[in-house]
Amino acid sequence: MDNMISKIRSFLILLAIIISAIILITFSVSIISRHYSYSSIIFISLAYLFFAWLIYSLSKRFSIFQTLVIPFLLGLALRIIWLYTVNPLPIFDYFRYYSFMLEVKNHEPLTFFPAQTFFWVIMSLVLKLFPFIEPGTATQFLLAFLQALTGVIIGKALMPFNRQIAITTAYLWALYPADVFFSGVLSTDLPQAFLTALLLLTISRWHLTQSNKYLLLTGIVMMFVLLTRKAGLFMIVPVALIPLIVATNYKNFSEIVKKYLSLLQGSLIAFIISILIASLASKTFPPPKDYWWGNTTMLPLLAGTNFQHKGLWNKEDYNLYNSLPLDTRNKIVIDTAFQRLINIYTNPVKAFRFSSDKLKGLFNYYALYWSIDAPLTLIESNKVPENIKEDFGFKYNQNHISKLKRLQNLLIPVELAGLLTILVLALLGTIWIAHAKYVNNLIFAYLYSLIISTYIIAHMAFEVQGRYHHMLLPFIFAVAGWALCWMDKCRNGN
């Protein structure tokens, strides 16, 4: 058993390096093929790297205030400035989330159940506590607060392993372009990234202390990850394997069972809490399932297996899905998707093209699209709902629209440079972790390898969008910081 687990550990380290290299190469090719200014992107990436090295070098002398409070305040300030400057509007699915939240808050008849509802049920209760606050602005500011806090939590997770890397990573998150530009978009990807960071914190603390109370907390966070976005399933399953992979005594089977019982207990506690929250919001017990689980749809599976549309959302599959009879819809979708996958993956050329397109779609520009590009498209076609205009302080006159268009063109290289930098650092970081072989640090490579590979493999069948990798960012940042060890050998903190 020990020998087999040792081989699995070695395979996961190798897999982490391979995955990092493939994602980086695919993303770089995507940038070049789309004729972005690669020289501008490289220049901005180098500036971002210089900032990382500067913080890393100075962090030895940082006080506790500079270590945790300043990156949080910096991150929050940048996101609030973005909210004030851009004033993003909730559109498409985000409009549905917002409408659902207000209907729950005001106990109005529900017109639509979105695919993800639990976070918006919580938000409806928060807004009830502060009825004097304008709901649109309040929701955006709370999300900005969670975004800024996410970087601090990633830093806290890394702190016992290496103080300098923890501080640098927190500052890198504060300035990370895609997260800043995504501010104000009412997306479950933002609270999901926050929960992912909490998951990173609890499982890394368990690894250091071997205390089952941290596994209990991990189980609680795992359930909330799943309830916030169903794609969280592709994250919590790999995390659940970690206690088995890093265990030191496989002969004591009862100890391993106790660890998994702690995870299950935590998940059960979180599930009960979710039921109580949903009951409070719906004023019924037990609450309707859709209050805590949302509306289950198979459209992502249908769109995700469309070769012509590269696994992206498309009108063709949307119309097909809605035309299917309700009683047989899911069966038809599963059969159609299965046949499509067989046709793709039995042809090596099509399989390579489809897999490459999926990776390009998953790791792609997205924040500026949802905060500027997509809202402007609706505004110019006069399709913005009236309540959105009122609740979000509608100020989209011609001057504001022109300013946003200039801003978007200017900032696209910045967003792409941020992702390119983190992907480069992630590759170097995983190589350093594998090379150094510090036992404690290997946990980050195992998590990164298991979660990224599971998530990517699952999305070979499901719809992809650039924003879908946002929830993975805390785990990517957790290995990216270790790249700085190439220059300093990380003498401190190990």
Protein backbone atom coordinates (compact mmCIF):
# COMPACT_ATOMS: atom_id res chain seq x y z
CA MET A 1 0.00 0.00 0.00
CA ASP A 2 2.78 2.45 0.95
CA ASN A 3 4.60 1.73 -2.31
CA MET A 4 1.46 2.29 -4.38
CA ILE A 5 0.66 5.60 -2.65
CA SER A 6 4.27 6.71 -3.13
CA LYS A 7 3.91 6.11 -6.87
CA ILE A 8 0.62 8.03 -6.92
CA ARG A 9 2.31 10.98 -5.19
CA SER A 10 5.12 11.00 -7.75
CA PHE A 11 2.59 10.79 -10.57
CA LEU A 12 0.61 13.75 -9.17
CA ILE A 13 3.76 15.90 -9.00
CA LEU A 14 4.61 15.02 -12.59
CA LEU A 15 1.00 15.62 -13.65
CA ALA A 16 1.05 19.08 -12.02
CA ILE A 17 4.08 20.06 -14.11
CA ILE A 18 2.62 18.64 -17.32
CA ILE A 19 -0.76 20.32 -16.82
CA SER A 20 0.90 23.67 -16.07
CA ALA A 21 2.99 23.43 -19.24
CA ILE A 22 0.02 22.45 -21.43
CA ILE A 23 -2.18 25.28 -20.11
CA LEU A 24 0.62 27.83 -20.55
CA ILE A 25 1.41 26.71 -24.12
CA THR A 26 -2.28 26.62 -25.10
CA PHE A 27 -2.91 30.06 -23.65
CA SER A 28 0.18 31.54 -25.36
CA VAL A 29 -0.86 30.10 -28.73
CA SER A 30 -4.36 31.51 -28.19
CA ILE A 31 -2.96 35.01 -27.58
CA ILE A 32 -0.79 34.88 -30.70
CA SER A 33 -3.57 33.46 -32.93
CA ARG A 34 -5.97 36.23 -31.89
CA HIS A 35 -3.48 38.93 -32.89
CA TYR A 36 -3.26 40.59 -29.49
CA SER A 37 -0.26 42.82 -28.91
CA TYR A 38 2.07 40.16 -27.56
CA SER A 39 4.87 42.66 -26.91
CA SER A 40 2.54 44.75 -24.69
CA ILE A 41 1.43 41.63 -22.84
CA ILE A 42 5.04 40.55 -22.23
CA PHE A 43 6.00 44.02 -21.00
CA ILE A 44 3.08 44.16 -18.53
CA SER A 45 3.87 40.61 -17.38
CA LEU A 46 7.45 41.61 -16.63
CA ALA A 47 6.20 44.61 -14.65
CA TYR A 48 3.87 42.30 -12.66
CA LEU A 49 6.79 39.93 -12.01
CA PHE A 50 8.98 42.83 -10.88
CA PHE A 51 6.28 43.87 -8.42
CA ALA A 52 6.15 40.28 -7.09
CA TRP A 53 9.92 40.18 -6.61
CA LEU A 54 9.91 43.62 -4.97
CA ILE A 55 7.27 42.57 -2.42
CA TYR A 56 9.07 39.27 -1.84
CA SER A 57 12.35 41.07 -1.16
CA LEU A 58 10.82 43.68 1.16
CA SER A 59 8.46 41.32 3.00
CA LYS A 60 11.14 40.17 5.45
CA ARG A 61 10.73 43.52 7.21
CA PHE A 62 6.93 43.76 6.95
CA SER A 63 4.88 44.23 10.11
CA ILE A 64 1.66 42.30 10.75
CA PHE A 65 -0.28 45.33 9.45
CA GLN A 66 1.70 45.33 6.20
CA THR A 67 1.40 41.57 5.94
CA LEU A 68 -2.37 41.20 6.03
CA VAL A 69 -4.20 44.50 6.34
CA ILE A 70 -2.53 46.45 3.54
CA PRO A 71 -3.08 43.83 0.79
CA PHE A 72 -6.72 43.60 1.87
CA LEU A 73 -7.19 47.38 1.83
CA LEU A 74 -5.31 47.68 -1.47
CA GLY A 75 -7.43 44.96 -3.07
CA LEU A 76 -10.66 46.44 -1.75
CA ALA A 77 -9.74 49.97 -2.88
CA LEU A 78 -8.93 48.84 -6.43
CA ARG A 79 -12.21 46.94 -6.72
CA ILE A 80 -14.28 49.85 -5.37
CA ILE A 81 -12.55 52.22 -7.80
CA TRP A 82 -13.46 49.82 -10.61
CA LEU A 83 -17.09 49.72 -9.45
CA TYR A 84 -17.26 53.51 -9.39
CA THR A 85 -15.53 53.90 -12.76
CA VAL A 86 -17.28 51.21 -14.78
CA ASN A 87 -20.60 50.66 -12.99
CA PRO A 88 -21.07 47.08 -14.34
CA LEU A 89 -24.65 45.98 -15.04
CA PRO A 90 -26.02 42.49 -14.27
CA ILE A 91 -27.00 40.92 -17.59
CA PHE A 92 -28.12 37.53 -18.88
CA ASP A 93 -27.72 34.98 -16.03
CA TYR A 94 -26.60 37.72 -13.65
CA PHE A 95 -29.86 39.58 -14.21
CA ARG A 96 -31.71 36.39 -13.28
CA TYR A 97 -29.64 36.00 -10.12
CA TYR A 98 -30.38 39.59 -9.16
CA SER A 99 -34.11 39.30 -9.89
CA PHE A 100 -34.33 36.03 -7.96
CA MET A 101 -32.53 37.60 -4.97
CA LEU A 102 -34.95 40.54 -4.86
CA GLU A 103 -38.00 38.29 -5.22
CA VAL A 104 -36.84 36.15 -2.28
CA LYS A 105 -36.02 39.25 -0.23
CA ASN A 106 -39.46 40.78 -0.83
CA HIS A 107 -41.34 37.45 -0.66
CA GLU A 108 -42.71 37.98 -4.16
CA PRO A 109 -43.86 35.16 -6.46
CA LEU A 110 -40.75 33.62 -8.01
CA THR A 111 -40.69 34.02 -11.78
CA PHE A 112 -37.54 31.98 -12.42
CA PHE A 113 -35.16 29.65 -10.57
CA PRO A 114 -31.55 30.14 -11.75
CA ALA A 115 -29.16 27.20 -11.94
CA GLN A 116 -27.34 28.43 -8.81
CA THR A 117 -29.47 29.90 -6.02
CA PHE A 118 -27.94 29.30 -2.57
CA PHE A 119 -25.59 32.31 -2.45
CA TRP A 120 -28.37 34.61 -3.66
CA VAL A 121 -30.70 33.27 -0.97
CA ILE A 122 -28.05 34.23 1.61
CA MET A 123 -27.74 37.66 -0.02
CA SER A 124 -31.50 38.15 0.16
CA LEU A 125 -31.35 37.61 3.93
CA VAL A 126 -28.40 40.01 4.27
CA LEU A 127 -30.35 42.69 2.41
CA LYS A 128 -33.32 42.15 4.72
CA LEU A 129 -31.10 43.04 7.66
CA PHE A 130 -30.19 46.33 5.98
CA PRO A 131 -33.39 47.46 4.21
CA PHE A 132 -32.13 51.05 3.95
CA ILE A 133 -29.25 50.03 1.61
CA GLU A 134 -29.74 50.10 -2.15
CA PRO A 135 -29.65 46.36 -3.09
CA GLY A 136 -27.63 46.59 -6.32
CA THR A 137 -24.79 48.62 -4.87
CA ALA A 138 -24.82 46.65 -1.59
CA THR A 139 -24.46 43.34 -3.45
CA GLN A 140 -21.59 44.63 -5.56
CA PHE A 141 -19.74 46.01 -2.53
CA LEU A 142 -20.16 42.79 -0.55
CA LEU A 143 -18.74 40.80 -3.46
CA ALA A 144 -15.82 43.25 -3.68
CA PHE A 145 -15.21 42.68 0.04
CA LEU A 146 -15.13 38.90 -0.49
CA GLN A 147 -12.78 39.33 -3.46
CA ALA A 148 -10.30 41.36 -1.41
CA LEU A 149 -10.56 38.93 1.50
CA THR A 150 -9.83 35.97 -0.79
CA GLY A 151 -6.21 37.08 -1.26
CA VAL A 152 -5.68 37.41 2.49
CA ILE A 153 -7.04 33.90 3.05
CA ILE A 154 -4.68 32.47 0.40
CA GLY A 155 -1.85 34.25 2.21
CA LYS A 156 -2.99 32.82 5.56
CA ALA A 157 -3.00 29.32 4.06
CA LEU A 158 0.62 29.74 2.92
CA MET A 159 1.90 31.60 6.01
CA PRO A 160 3.02 28.56 8.09
CA PHE A 161 4.93 27.21 5.08
CA ASN A 162 6.77 30.36 4.02
CA ARG A 163 6.04 33.87 5.27
CA GLN A 164 7.56 35.74 2.32
CA ILE A 165 5.67 33.72 -0.26
CA ALA A 166 2.44 34.11 1.70
CA ILE A 167 2.78 37.90 1.79
CA THR A 168 3.77 38.12 -1.89
CA THR A 169 0.85 35.97 -2.96
CA ALA A 170 -1.62 38.13 -1.01
CA TYR A 171 -0.29 41.26 -2.75
CA LEU A 172 -0.36 39.56 -6.16
CA TRP A 173 -4.03 38.70 -5.64
CA ALA A 174 -4.82 42.28 -4.61
CA LEU A 175 -3.48 43.50 -7.96
CA TYR A 176 -4.56 40.54 -10.10
CA PRO A 177 -6.19 42.23 -13.14
CA ALA A 178 -8.93 39.70 -13.94
CA ASP A 179 -10.24 39.70 -10.37
CA VAL A 180 -10.22 43.51 -10.26
CA PHE A 181 -11.98 43.80 -13.64
CA PHE A 182 -14.54 41.15 -12.60
CA SER A 183 -15.66 43.36 -9.69
CA GLY A 184 -19.32 44.32 -9.83
CA VAL A 185 -20.33 41.34 -11.95
CA LEU A 186 -23.02 39.46 -10.00
CA SER A 187 -21.48 36.06 -10.62
CA THR A 188 -21.28 33.03 -8.35
CA ASP A 189 -17.70 32.63 -9.57
CA LEU A 190 -16.68 35.34 -7.07
CA PRO A 191 -18.06 33.78 -3.84
CA GLN A 192 -16.92 30.41 -5.19
CA ALA A 193 -13.32 31.66 -5.39
CA PHE A 194 -13.65 32.91 -1.80
CA LEU A 195 -14.85 29.46 -0.68
CA THR A 196 -12.05 27.82 -2.66
CA ALA A 197 -9.54 29.90 -0.73
CA LEU A 198 -11.18 28.79 2.54
CA LEU A 199 -10.91 25.20 1.34
CA LEU A 200 -7.20 25.74 0.69
CA LEU A 201 -6.81 27.18 4.20
CA THR A 202 -8.62 24.41 6.09
CA ILE A 203 -7.03 21.46 4.24
CA SER A 204 -3.50 22.94 4.53
CA ARG A 205 -4.02 23.55 8.28
CA TRP A 206 -5.15 19.96 8.69
CA HIS A 207 -2.04 18.79 6.84
CA LEU A 208 0.17 20.67 9.30
CA THR A 209 -1.66 19.80 12.52
CA GLN A 210 -3.35 16.48 11.62
CA SER A 211 -6.23 17.72 13.76
CA ASN A 212 -9.60 16.34 12.74
CA LYS A 213 -11.27 19.64 13.65
CA TYR A 214 -9.76 21.07 10.46
CA LEU A 215 -11.20 18.16 8.49
CA LEU A 216 -14.57 19.00 10.04
CA LEU A 217 -14.18 22.59 8.83
CA THR A 218 -13.03 21.30 5.42
CA GLY A 219 -16.21 19.23 5.18
CA ILE A 220 -18.31 22.30 5.98
CA VAL A 221 -16.59 24.36 3.28
CA MET A 222 -16.81 21.48 0.77
CA MET A 223 -20.59 21.38 1.08
CA PHE A 224 -20.89 25.16 0.64
CA VAL A 225 -18.61 24.94 -2.42
CA LEU A 226 -21.01 22.39 -3.93
CA LEU A 227 -24.12 24.38 -3.06
CA THR A 228 -22.73 27.62 -4.45
CA ARG A 229 -21.86 26.12 -7.84
CA LYS A 230 -22.59 22.58 -8.98
CA ALA A 231 -19.20 22.59 -10.75
CA GLY A 232 -17.79 22.56 -7.22
CA LEU A 233 -18.27 18.79 -7.41
CA PHE A 234 -15.14 18.65 -9.61
CA MET A 235 -13.25 20.30 -6.77
CA ILE A 236 -14.52 18.62 -3.63
CA VAL A 237 -13.99 15.07 -4.93
CA PRO A 238 -10.22 15.63 -5.43
CA VAL A 239 -9.95 17.40 -2.05
CA ALA A 240 -11.62 14.40 -0.42
CA LEU A 241 -8.76 12.20 -1.69
CA ILE A 242 -6.06 14.27 0.02
CA PRO A 243 -6.31 12.61 3.51
CA LEU A 244 -5.69 9.25 1.86
CA ILE A 245 -2.82 10.48 -0.32
CA VAL A 246 -0.88 12.23 2.46
CA ALA A 247 -1.62 9.67 5.20
CA THR A 248 1.47 8.28 6.92
CA ASN A 249 0.10 5.07 8.45
CA TYR A 250 -2.04 3.03 6.10
CA LYS A 251 -2.05 0.00 8.38
CA ASN A 252 -4.17 1.85 10.93
CA PHE A 253 -7.35 1.76 8.87
CA SER A 254 -9.50 3.05 11.72
CA GLU A 255 -7.60 6.36 11.76
CA ILE A 256 -8.28 6.90 8.07
CA VAL A 257 -11.96 6.12 8.63
CA LYS A 258 -12.07 8.73 11.42
CA LYS A 259 -10.70 11.35 9.03
CA TYR A 260 -13.45 10.68 6.50
CA LEU A 261 -16.07 10.63 9.23
CA SER A 262 -14.93 14.15 10.16
CA LEU A 263 -15.33 15.25 6.54
CA LEU A 264 -18.82 13.73 6.39
CA GLN A 265 -19.81 15.31 9.71
CA GLY A 266 -18.74 18.71 8.45
CA SER A 267 -20.65 18.26 5.19
CA LEU A 268 -23.76 17.22 7.12
CA ILE A 269 -23.52 20.26 9.40
CA ALA A 270 -23.23 22.57 6.37
CA PHE A 271 -26.17 20.85 4.68
CA ILE A 272 -28.36 21.32 7.77
CA ILE A 273 -27.31 24.99 7.92
CA SER A 274 -28.23 25.41 4.25
CA ILE A 275 -31.68 23.91 4.88
CA LEU A 276 -32.25 26.29 7.80
CA ILE A 277 -31.13 29.29 5.71
CA ALA A 278 -33.41 28.26 2.85
CA SER A 279 -36.28 27.74 5.30
CA LEU A 280 -35.75 31.20 6.76
CA ALA A 281 -35.78 32.74 3.27
CA SER A 282 -38.79 30.80 1.98
CA LYS A 283 -40.68 30.81 5.31
CA THR A 284 -41.42 27.10 4.85
CA PHE A 285 -39.98 23.93 6.36
CA PRO A 286 -38.70 21.93 4.70
CA PRO A 287 -37.88 24.58 2.09
CA PRO A 288 -38.35 24.04 -1.65
CA LYS A 289 -35.30 22.27 -3.06
CA ASP A 290 -34.63 25.10 -5.52
CA TYR A 291 -33.89 27.51 -2.66
CA TRP A 292 -30.71 25.67 -1.73
CA TRP A 293 -29.89 23.65 -4.85
CA GLY A 294 -31.18 25.70 -7.78
CA ASN A 295 -32.56 24.64 -11.12
CA THR A 296 -30.80 21.63 -12.63
CA THR A 297 -30.25 21.99 -16.37
CA MET A 298 -28.47 19.70 -18.83
CA LEU A 299 -27.79 22.49 -21.34
CA PRO A 300 -24.08 22.77 -20.34
CA LEU A 301 -23.63 19.10 -21.31
CA LEU A 302 -25.33 19.61 -24.68
CA ALA A 303 -23.38 22.79 -25.51
CA GLY A 304 -20.15 21.37 -24.12
CA THR A 305 -20.09 18.49 -26.62
CA ASN A 306 -20.72 20.61 -29.73
CA PHE A 307 -17.58 20.29 -31.87
CA GLN A 308 -18.50 23.08 -34.31
CA HIS A 309 -18.97 25.59 -31.48
CA LYS A 310 -15.86 24.40 -29.57
CA GLY A 311 -17.84 23.46 -26.48
CA LEU A 312 -19.01 27.03 -25.90
CA TRP A 313 -22.55 28.23 -25.24
CA ASN A 314 -24.39 28.54 -28.56
CA LYS A 315 -27.85 29.43 -29.80
CA GLU A 316 -28.18 26.21 -31.77
CA ASP A 317 -28.01 23.95 -28.71
CA TYR A 318 -30.01 26.43 -26.65
CA ASN A 319 -32.91 26.23 -29.12
CA LEU A 320 -32.59 22.45 -29.40
CA TYR A 321 -32.66 22.05 -25.62
CA ASN A 322 -35.79 24.20 -25.22
CA SER A 323 -37.57 22.38 -28.04
CA LEU A 324 -37.22 18.96 -26.36
CA PRO A 325 -40.18 17.53 -24.41
CA LEU A 326 -39.72 17.94 -20.65
CA ASP A 327 -40.35 14.30 -19.75
CA THR A 328 -37.59 12.96 -22.04
CA ARG A 329 -35.30 16.01 -22.29
CA ASN A 330 -32.52 14.78 -20.00
CA LYS A 331 -32.38 11.34 -21.62
CA ILE A 332 -32.18 12.83 -25.11
CA VAL A 333 -29.45 15.27 -24.04
CA ILE A 334 -27.36 12.52 -22.42
CA ASP A 335 -27.71 10.25 -25.47
CA THR A 336 -26.86 13.08 -27.86
CA ALA A 337 -23.87 14.23 -25.81
CA PHE A 338 -22.55 10.67 -25.47
CA GLN A 339 -22.76 10.11 -29.22
CA ARG A 340 -21.01 13.42 -29.89
CA LEU A 341 -18.17 12.51 -27.51
CA ILE A 342 -17.76 9.11 -29.17
CA ASN A 343 -17.53 10.76 -32.60
CA ILE A 344 -14.96 13.28 -31.35
CA TYR A 345 -12.68 11.10 -29.24
CA THR A 346 -12.51 8.16 -31.63
CA ASN A 347 -10.93 10.53 -34.16
CA PRO A 348 -7.44 11.57 -32.93
CA VAL A 349 -7.36 14.76 -35.01
CA LYS A 350 -10.79 15.91 -33.87
CA ALA A 351 -9.99 14.92 -30.28
CA PHE A 352 -6.81 17.03 -30.29
CA ARG A 353 -8.56 20.04 -31.85
CA PHE A 354 -11.54 19.80 -29.52
CA SER A 355 -9.40 19.42 -26.39
CA SER A 356 -7.23 22.38 -27.44
CA ASP A 357 -10.29 24.52 -28.11
CA LYS A 358 -11.70 23.57 -24.73
CA LEU A 359 -8.53 24.62 -22.91
CA LYS A 360 -8.42 27.88 -24.87
CA GLY A 361 -12.03 28.53 -23.91
CA LEU A 362 -11.49 27.68 -20.24
CA PHE A 363 -8.34 29.78 -19.75
CA ASN A 364 -9.23 32.92 -21.62
CA TYR A 365 -10.06 36.62 -21.36
CA TYR A 366 -13.39 37.02 -19.53
CA ALA A 367 -13.50 39.77 -16.87
CA LEU A 368 -13.61 42.76 -19.23
CA TYR A 369 -16.11 40.95 -21.43
CA TRP A 370 -18.64 40.60 -18.59
CA SER A 371 -18.01 44.00 -16.98
CA ILE A 372 -17.83 46.14 -20.14
CA ASP A 373 -18.29 44.38 -23.49
CA ALA A 374 -21.48 42.38 -22.88
CA PRO A 375 -23.32 45.19 -21.00
CA LEU A 376 -22.48 47.65 -23.79
CA THR A 377 -23.92 45.23 -26.35
CA LEU A 378 -27.25 45.21 -24.51
CA ILE A 379 -27.23 48.95 -23.95
CA GLU A 380 -26.61 49.72 -27.61
CA SER A 381 -29.45 47.38 -28.60
CA ASN A 382 -31.68 48.99 -25.91
CA LYS A 383 -32.33 45.68 -24.11
CA VAL A 384 -31.44 46.64 -20.53
CA PRO A 385 -34.37 45.93 -18.14
CA GLU A 386 -35.82 49.02 -16.46
CA ASN A 387 -35.26 47.83 -12.88
CA ILE A 388 -31.55 47.33 -13.66
CA LYS A 389 -31.33 50.92 -14.91
CA GLU A 390 -32.90 52.14 -11.66
CA ASP A 391 -31.11 49.89 -9.16
CA PHE A 392 -27.61 50.37 -10.55
CA GLY A 393 -27.70 54.12 -11.01
CA PHE A 394 -27.98 54.04 -14.78
CA LYS A 395 -25.41 56.49 -16.15
CA TYR A 396 -24.65 55.00 -19.54
CA ASN A 397 -24.78 58.16 -21.62
CA GLN A 398 -22.74 58.44 -24.80
CA ASN A 399 -19.71 59.87 -23.01
CA HIS A 400 -19.65 56.98 -20.52
CA ILE A 401 -20.03 54.41 -23.32
CA SER A 402 -17.15 55.96 -25.28
CA LYS A 403 -14.99 56.00 -22.13
CA LEU A 404 -15.71 52.31 -21.46
CA LYS A 405 -14.82 51.31 -25.02
CA ARG A 406 -11.46 53.08 -24.75
CA LEU A 407 -10.90 51.53 -21.34
CA GLN A 408 -11.63 48.03 -22.60
CA ASN A 409 -9.22 48.29 -25.55
CA LEU A 410 -6.54 49.63 -23.23
CA LEU A 411 -6.98 46.98 -20.53
CA ILE A 412 -7.37 43.75 -22.55
CA PRO A 413 -3.55 43.28 -22.67
CA VAL A 414 -3.44 43.93 -18.91
CA GLU A 415 -5.95 41.15 -18.16
CA LEU A 416 -4.17 38.71 -20.48
CA ALA A 417 -0.77 39.64 -19.02
CA GLY A 418 -2.01 38.91 -15.51
CA LEU A 419 -3.13 35.41 -16.43
CA LEU A 420 0.03 34.75 -18.46
CA THR A 421 2.19 35.74 -15.48
CA ILE A 422 0.33 33.50 -13.05
CA LEU A 423 0.48 30.55 -15.46
CA VAL A 424 4.25 31.01 -15.89
CA LEU A 425 4.71 31.23 -12.12
CA ALA A 426 2.49 28.16 -11.59
CA LEU A 427 4.68 26.11 -13.92
CA LEU A 428 7.90 27.27 -12.24
CA GLY A 429 6.34 26.86 -8.81
CA THR A 430 5.32 23.24 -9.38
CA ILE A 431 8.78 22.44 -10.76
CA TRP A 432 10.42 23.98 -7.68
CA ILE A 433 8.12 22.09 -5.28
CA ALA A 434 8.95 18.84 -7.08
CA HIS A 435 12.67 19.67 -7.02
CA ALA A 436 12.87 20.79 -3.38
CA LYS A 437 10.71 17.92 -2.06
CA TYR A 438 9.88 19.63 1.23
CA VAL A 439 7.31 17.25 2.64
CA ASN A 440 4.92 19.91 3.90
CA ASN A 441 4.96 21.96 0.69
CA LEU A 442 4.03 18.98 -1.49
CA ILE A 443 0.40 19.33 -0.32
CA PHE A 444 -0.03 22.34 -2.66
CA ALA A 445 1.22 20.39 -5.67
CA TYR A 446 -1.09 17.46 -4.84
CA LEU A 447 -4.10 19.77 -4.50
CA TYR A 448 -3.23 21.67 -7.67
CA SER A 449 -2.68 18.49 -9.67
CA LEU A 450 -5.84 16.72 -8.51
CA ILE A 451 -8.18 19.70 -8.76
CA ILE A 452 -6.96 21.20 -12.06
CA SER A 453 -6.84 17.83 -13.85
CA THR A 454 -10.28 16.76 -12.58
CA TYR A 455 -11.79 20.14 -13.50
CA ILE A 456 -10.28 20.12 -17.00
CA ILE A 457 -11.26 16.50 -17.72
CA ALA A 458 -14.85 17.16 -16.59
CA HIS A 459 -15.05 20.21 -18.85
CA MET A 460 -14.06 18.15 -21.86
CA ALA A 461 -17.74 17.16 -21.75
CA PHE A 462 -19.32 20.31 -20.31
CA GLU A 463 -19.62 23.86 -21.61
CA VAL A 464 -16.58 26.08 -21.09
CA GLN A 465 -16.21 29.81 -20.56
CA GLY A 466 -13.20 31.84 -19.55
CA ARG A 467 -14.74 32.77 -16.21
CA TYR A 468 -15.11 29.10 -15.24
CA HIS A 469 -11.44 28.94 -14.23
CA HIS A 470 -11.89 31.80 -11.74
CA MET A 471 -12.79 29.40 -8.93
CA LEU A 472 -9.48 27.57 -9.54
CA LEU A 473 -7.35 30.68 -9.05
CA PRO A 474 -6.65 30.25 -5.29
CA PHE A 475 -5.07 26.84 -5.97
CA ILE A 476 -3.12 28.25 -8.95
CA PHE A 477 -1.85 31.15 -6.81
CA ALA A 478 -0.92 28.69 -4.05
CA VAL A 479 1.69 27.03 -6.30
CA ALA A 480 2.61 30.15 -8.30
CA GLY A 481 4.26 31.90 -5.33
CA TRP A 482 6.82 29.13 -4.93
CA ALA A 483 8.37 30.15 -8.27
CA LEU A 484 10.15 32.95 -6.39
CA CYS A 485 12.12 30.27 -4.55
CA TRP A 486 14.26 29.80 -7.66
CA MET A 487 16.00 33.07 -6.79
CA ASP A 488 16.12 32.79 -3.01
CA LYS A 489 16.07 29.02 -2.40
CA CYS A 490 13.36 29.71 0.21
CA ARG A 491 15.75 29.42 3.13
CA ASN A 492 13.23 30.99 5.48
CA GLY A 493 10.09 29.26 6.68
CA ASN A 494 10.81 25.66 5.78
